[in-house]
Amino acid sequence: MDLRKDPEKFSYDKWTASLTSTTRRFQLNQAVELNFVGVDTEVLYQSLFKPIPGCGLKPVAAKD
């Protein structure tokens, strides 16, 4: 999964080893659901995946 091509920009936190944007967060050991997109035959037959919509969404903050 290559988030560099995602229109949403992520920042890396080295202390928690996580990628965070305004709406999503991914960290080590987190289960994610992916869709298989295909195989890139130009790059050593690299498998291509995309996260399913809603994957990695941050929980909605509780309102006081």
C-alpha atoms as a PDB file:
ATOM      1  CA  MET A   1       0.000   0.000   0.000  1.00  0.00           C
ATOM      2  CA  ASP A   2       1.608   3.247  -1.150  1.00  0.00           C
ATOM      3  CA  LEU A   3       0.099   6.212   0.670  1.00  0.00           C
ATOM      4  CA  ARG A   4       2.386   8.650  -1.158  1.00  0.00           C
ATOM      5  CA  LYS A   5      -0.099   8.618  -4.053  1.00  0.00           C
ATOM      6  CA  ASP A   6      -3.079   9.235  -1.760  1.00  0.00           C
ATOM      7  CA  PRO A   7      -4.540  12.760  -2.105  1.00  0.00           C
ATOM      8  CA  GLU A   8      -4.624  12.999   1.699  1.00  0.00           C
ATOM      9  CA  LYS A   9      -1.217  13.875   3.180  1.00  0.00           C
ATOM     10  CA  PHE A  10       0.195  11.809   6.052  1.00  0.00           C
ATOM     11  CA  SER A  11       2.844  12.625   8.652  1.00  0.00           C
ATOM     12  CA  TYR A  12       5.084  10.014  10.261  1.00  0.00           C
ATOM     13  CA  ASP A  13       5.530   9.819  14.042  1.00  0.00           C
ATOM     14  CA  LYS A  14       8.730   7.949  14.817  1.00  0.00           C
ATOM     15  CA  TRP A  15       7.822   7.464  18.500  1.00  0.00           C
ATOM     16  CA  THR A  16       4.612   5.555  17.779  1.00  0.00           C
ATOM     17  CA  ALA A  17       5.676   4.340  14.304  1.00  0.00           C
ATOM     18  CA  SER A  18       2.406   5.619  12.878  1.00  0.00           C
ATOM     19  CA  LEU A  19       1.177   7.507   9.820  1.00  0.00           C
ATOM     20  CA  THR A  20      -1.472  10.103  10.595  1.00  0.00           C
ATOM     21  CA  SER A  21      -3.595  12.438   8.472  1.00  0.00           C
ATOM     22  CA  THR A  22      -6.508  14.640   9.455  1.00  0.00           C
ATOM     23  CA  THR A  23      -8.970  11.725   9.238  1.00  0.00           C
ATOM     24  CA  ARG A  24      -6.985   8.462   9.235  1.00  0.00           C
ATOM     25  CA  ARG A  25      -4.250   6.760  11.263  1.00  0.00           C
ATOM     26  CA  PHE A  26      -2.170   3.659  10.568  1.00  0.00           C
ATOM     27  CA  GLN A  27       0.313   2.108  13.004  1.00  0.00           C
ATOM     28  CA  LEU A  28       2.377  -1.043  13.378  1.00  0.00           C
ATOM     29  CA  ASN A  29       0.463  -4.197  14.245  1.00  0.00           C
ATOM     30  CA  GLN A  30      -2.847  -2.656  13.098  1.00  0.00           C
ATOM     31  CA  ALA A  31      -5.099  -4.904  11.038  1.00  0.00           C
ATOM     32  CA  VAL A  32      -6.178  -3.311   7.749  1.00  0.00           C
ATOM     33  CA  GLU A  33      -8.490  -4.476   4.973  1.00  0.00           C
ATOM     34  CA  LEU A  34      -7.196  -4.177   1.410  1.00  0.00           C
ATOM     35  CA  ASN A  35      -8.471  -4.769  -2.101  1.00  0.00           C
ATOM     36  CA  PHE A  36      -6.163  -6.403  -4.631  1.00  0.00           C
ATOM     37  CA  VAL A  37      -5.710  -3.999  -7.564  1.00  0.00           C
ATOM     38  CA  GLY A  38      -3.393  -5.997  -9.794  1.00  0.00           C
ATOM     39  CA  VAL A  39       0.247  -6.708 -10.538  1.00  0.00           C
ATOM     40  CA  ASP A  40       2.789  -4.188 -11.804  1.00  0.00           C
ATOM     41  CA  THR A  41       4.798  -6.191 -14.338  1.00  0.00           C
ATOM     42  CA  GLU A  42       7.228  -3.296 -14.857  1.00  0.00           C
ATOM     43  CA  VAL A  43       8.408  -3.380 -11.216  1.00  0.00           C
ATOM     44  CA  LEU A  44       9.389  -7.014 -10.663  1.00  0.00           C
ATOM     45  CA  TYR A  45       5.753  -8.150 -10.615  1.00  0.00           C
ATOM     46  CA  GLN A  46       4.942  -6.104  -7.527  1.00  0.00           C
ATOM     47  CA  SER A  47       1.434  -6.742  -6.132  1.00  0.00           C
ATOM     48  CA  LEU A  48      -0.735  -3.635  -5.873  1.00  0.00           C
ATOM     49  CA  PHE A  49      -3.303  -3.091  -3.118  1.00  0.00           C
ATOM     50  CA  LYS A  50      -5.591  -0.227  -2.042  1.00  0.00           C
ATOM     51  CA  PRO A  51      -7.194   0.180   1.396  1.00  0.00           C
ATOM     52  CA  ILE A  52     -10.950  -0.335   1.406  1.00  0.00           C
ATOM     53  CA  PRO A  53     -12.970   2.857   1.928  1.00  0.00           C
ATOM     54  CA  GLY A  54     -13.112   3.724   5.621  1.00  0.00           C
ATOM     55  CA  CYS A  55      -9.987   1.737   6.519  1.00  0.00           C
ATOM     56  CA  GLY A  56      -7.910   3.416   9.211  1.00  0.00           C
ATOM     57  CA  LEU A  57     -10.480   6.080  10.071  1.00  0.00           C
ATOM     58  CA  LYS A  58      -9.892   7.827  13.362  1.00  0.00           C
ATOM     59  CA  PRO A  59     -12.646   7.342  15.949  1.00  0.00           C
ATOM     60  CA  VAL A  60     -15.032  10.279  16.190  1.00  0.00           C
ATOM     61  CA  ALA A  61     -14.202  12.452  19.176  1.00  0.00           C
ATOM     62  CA  ALA A  62     -16.833  12.451  21.918  1.00  0.00           C
ATOM     63  CA  LYS A  63     -18.641  15.779  22.297  1.00  0.00           C
ATOM     64  CA  ASP A  64     -19.028  17.248  25.759  1.00  0.00           C
END
